[in-house]
Amino acid sequence: MGFSIKLLPDNSTFTAEAGETIMETAKKHGHNLPLGCADGACGLCRGILLQGTVDHGRSTVIALTDEDKEAGLALFCCAIPTSDLVIQRREMVADWTILDWNGSME
């Protein structure tokens, strides 16, 4: 059973297969999300969960604190959907610059 993921701000929607992380699903559907260590340690892939729930998987407290989780943040490299989601992401441009939540350069 898969879960629907709506990605903001571009409003695209795709489905995560069972056990698939948000990052795996996004990449499979052509979205270039920030990714560093791919192991839940660096926090580069952090995004906002606006609706829904995830299993935070192997994320470390260094990259994602309990307060971050309570505030609706998740590490997309580790987070596995447990319901349909609405998420907000930052995208990377070709030169590895990360765009902030409003789409401007950080």
C-alpha atoms as a PDB file:
ATOM      1  CA  MET A   1       0.000   0.000   0.000  1.00  0.00           C
ATOM      2  CA  GLY A   2       1.381   3.396  -0.956  1.00  0.00           C
ATOM      3  CA  PHE A   3       0.820   6.883   0.376  1.00  0.00           C
ATOM      4  CA  SER A   4       0.217  10.061  -1.585  1.00  0.00           C
ATOM      5  CA  ILE A   5       2.781  12.860  -1.200  1.00  0.00           C
ATOM      6  CA  LYS A   6       1.911  16.398  -2.238  1.00  0.00           C
ATOM      7  CA  LEU A   7       5.066  18.467  -2.696  1.00  0.00           C
ATOM      8  CA  LEU A   8       4.878  22.224  -2.148  1.00  0.00           C
ATOM      9  CA  PRO A   9       5.321  24.845  -3.411  1.00  0.00           C
ATOM     10  CA  ASP A  10       4.879  23.323  -6.886  1.00  0.00           C
ATOM     11  CA  ASN A  11       1.786  21.246  -5.964  1.00  0.00           C
ATOM     12  CA  SER A  12       2.979  18.040  -7.628  1.00  0.00           C
ATOM     13  CA  THR A  13       1.621  14.798  -6.211  1.00  0.00           C
ATOM     14  CA  PHE A  14       3.114  11.317  -6.375  1.00  0.00           C
ATOM     15  CA  THR A  15       2.838   8.020  -4.507  1.00  0.00           C
ATOM     16  CA  ALA A  16       5.402   6.439  -2.191  1.00  0.00           C
ATOM     17  CA  GLU A  17       5.600   2.656  -2.262  1.00  0.00           C
ATOM     18  CA  ALA A  18       5.571   0.783   1.065  1.00  0.00           C
ATOM     19  CA  GLY A  19       8.854   1.265   2.923  1.00  0.00           C
ATOM     20  CA  GLU A  20      10.140   3.932   0.525  1.00  0.00           C
ATOM     21  CA  THR A  21      11.544   7.182   1.966  1.00  0.00           C
ATOM     22  CA  ILE A  22      10.296  10.582   0.888  1.00  0.00           C
ATOM     23  CA  MET A  23      13.671  11.181  -0.800  1.00  0.00           C
ATOM     24  CA  GLU A  24      13.565   7.913  -2.778  1.00  0.00           C
ATOM     25  CA  THR A  25      10.045   8.666  -3.953  1.00  0.00           C
ATOM     26  CA  ALA A  26      10.808  12.280  -4.875  1.00  0.00           C
ATOM     27  CA  LYS A  27      13.912  11.305  -6.885  1.00  0.00           C
ATOM     28  CA  LYS A  28      11.969   8.574  -8.675  1.00  0.00           C
ATOM     29  CA  HIS A  29       9.478  11.235  -9.769  1.00  0.00           C
ATOM     30  CA  GLY A  30      12.123  13.717 -10.951  1.00  0.00           C
ATOM     31  CA  HIS A  31      12.414  16.089  -7.991  1.00  0.00           C
ATOM     32  CA  ASN A  32      15.879  17.374  -7.086  1.00  0.00           C
ATOM     33  CA  LEU A  33      15.757  17.679  -3.293  1.00  0.00           C
ATOM     34  CA  PRO A  34      18.761  18.570  -1.119  1.00  0.00           C
ATOM     35  CA  LEU A  35      20.715  15.489  -0.058  1.00  0.00           C
ATOM     36  CA  GLY A  36      23.985  15.209   1.815  1.00  0.00           C
ATOM     37  CA  CYS A  37      24.925  12.094   3.757  1.00  0.00           C
ATOM     38  CA  ALA A  38      21.732  10.109   2.921  1.00  0.00           C
ATOM     39  CA  ASP A  39      22.020   8.595   6.386  1.00  0.00           C
ATOM     40  CA  GLY A  40      20.129  10.990   8.677  1.00  0.00           C
ATOM     41  CA  ALA A  41      23.227  12.617  10.146  1.00  0.00           C
ATOM     42  CA  CYS A  42      23.766  15.940   8.353  1.00  0.00           C
ATOM     43  CA  GLY A  43      20.307  17.539   8.135  1.00  0.00           C
ATOM     44  CA  LEU A  44      20.727  18.846   4.599  1.00  0.00           C
ATOM     45  CA  CYS A  45      17.549  17.058   3.463  1.00  0.00           C
ATOM     46  CA  ARG A  46      15.371  18.539   6.226  1.00  0.00           C
ATOM     47  CA  GLY A  47      11.905  19.594   5.128  1.00  0.00           C
ATOM     48  CA  ILE A  48       8.523  20.473   6.593  1.00  0.00           C
ATOM     49  CA  LEU A  49       5.644  18.057   7.159  1.00  0.00           C
ATOM     50  CA  LEU A  50       2.542  20.199   6.744  1.00  0.00           C
ATOM     51  CA  GLN A  51       0.101  17.281   6.968  1.00  0.00           C
ATOM     52  CA  GLY A  52       0.454  13.599   7.735  1.00  0.00           C
ATOM     53  CA  THR A  53       2.809  11.387   9.701  1.00  0.00           C
ATOM     54  CA  VAL A  54       6.103   9.622   9.085  1.00  0.00           C
ATOM     55  CA  ASP A  55       8.383   7.064  10.684  1.00  0.00           C
ATOM     56  CA  HIS A  56      11.543   9.132  11.210  1.00  0.00           C
ATOM     57  CA  GLY A  57      13.721   6.076  10.696  1.00  0.00           C
ATOM     58  CA  ARG A  58      17.433   6.379  11.407  1.00  0.00           C
ATOM     59  CA  SER A  59      17.572  10.178  11.787  1.00  0.00           C
ATOM     60  CA  THR A  60      20.040  11.325  14.437  1.00  0.00           C
ATOM     61  CA  VAL A  61      19.318  13.826  17.217  1.00  0.00           C
ATOM     62  CA  ILE A  62      22.167  15.952  15.876  1.00  0.00           C
ATOM     63  CA  ALA A  63      20.381  16.483  12.556  1.00  0.00           C
ATOM     64  CA  LEU A  64      16.783  16.330  13.846  1.00  0.00           C
ATOM     65  CA  THR A  65      15.925  17.001  17.479  1.00  0.00           C
ATOM     66  CA  ASP A  66      12.727  15.994  19.239  1.00  0.00           C
ATOM     67  CA  GLU A  67      11.767  19.685  19.130  1.00  0.00           C
ATOM     68  CA  ASP A  68      12.286  19.667  15.349  1.00  0.00           C
ATOM     69  CA  LYS A  69       9.994  16.644  15.038  1.00  0.00           C
ATOM     70  CA  GLU A  70       7.348  18.318  17.198  1.00  0.00           C
ATOM     71  CA  ALA A  71       7.626  21.416  14.962  1.00  0.00           C
ATOM     72  CA  GLY A  72       6.816  19.264  11.920  1.00  0.00           C
ATOM     73  CA  LEU A  73      10.293  18.824  10.454  1.00  0.00           C
ATOM     74  CA  ALA A  74      11.636  15.591   8.989  1.00  0.00           C
ATOM     75  CA  LEU A  75      14.775  14.354   7.274  1.00  0.00           C
ATOM     76  CA  PHE A  76      13.472  13.324   3.878  1.00  0.00           C
ATOM     77  CA  CYS A  77      16.336  10.830   3.371  1.00  0.00           C
ATOM     78  CA  CYS A  78      15.085   8.786   6.336  1.00  0.00           C
ATOM     79  CA  ALA A  79      11.393   9.627   6.724  1.00  0.00           C
ATOM     80  CA  ILE A  80       9.001   6.916   5.572  1.00  0.00           C
ATOM     81  CA  PRO A  81       5.357   7.979   5.141  1.00  0.00           C
ATOM     82  CA  THR A  82       2.818   6.344   7.458  1.00  0.00           C
ATOM     83  CA  SER A  83      -0.075   8.350   5.985  1.00  0.00           C
ATOM     84  CA  ASP A  84      -0.749  10.636   3.025  1.00  0.00           C
ATOM     85  CA  LEU A  85       1.513  13.698   3.255  1.00  0.00           C
ATOM     86  CA  VAL A  86       1.727  17.346   2.313  1.00  0.00           C
ATOM     87  CA  ILE A  87       5.361  18.465   2.517  1.00  0.00           C
ATOM     88  CA  GLN A  88       7.354  21.585   1.795  1.00  0.00           C
ATOM     89  CA  ARG A  89      10.852  21.269   0.434  1.00  0.00           C
ATOM     90  CA  ARG A  90      13.849  23.310  -0.551  1.00  0.00           C
ATOM     91  CA  GLU A  91      15.243  22.491  -3.989  1.00  0.00           C
ATOM     92  CA  MET A  92      18.845  22.512  -5.037  1.00  0.00           C
ATOM     93  CA  VAL A  93      20.038  24.139  -8.204  1.00  0.00           C
ATOM     94  CA  ALA A  94      22.811  22.675 -10.344  1.00  0.00           C
ATOM     95  CA  ASP A  95      25.678  24.423  -8.517  1.00  0.00           C
ATOM     96  CA  TRP A  96      24.667  22.911  -5.119  1.00  0.00           C
ATOM     97  CA  THR A  97      23.161  26.173  -3.878  1.00  0.00           C
ATOM     98  CA  ILE A  98      20.195  25.473  -1.634  1.00  0.00           C
ATOM     99  CA  LEU A  99      17.079  27.551  -2.132  1.00  0.00           C
ATOM    100  CA  ASP A 100      15.362  28.679   1.046  1.00  0.00           C
ATOM    101  CA  TRP A 101      11.689  28.023   1.801  1.00  0.00           C
ATOM    102  CA  ASN A 102      10.650  30.963  -0.406  1.00  0.00           C
ATOM    103  CA  GLY A 103      12.765  29.949  -3.403  1.00  0.00           C
ATOM    104  CA  SER A 104      15.561  32.499  -2.943  1.00  0.00           C
ATOM    105  CA  MET A 105      19.253  31.701  -2.497  1.00  0.00           C
ATOM    106  CA  GLU A 106      20.533  30.976   1.027  1.00  0.00           C
END
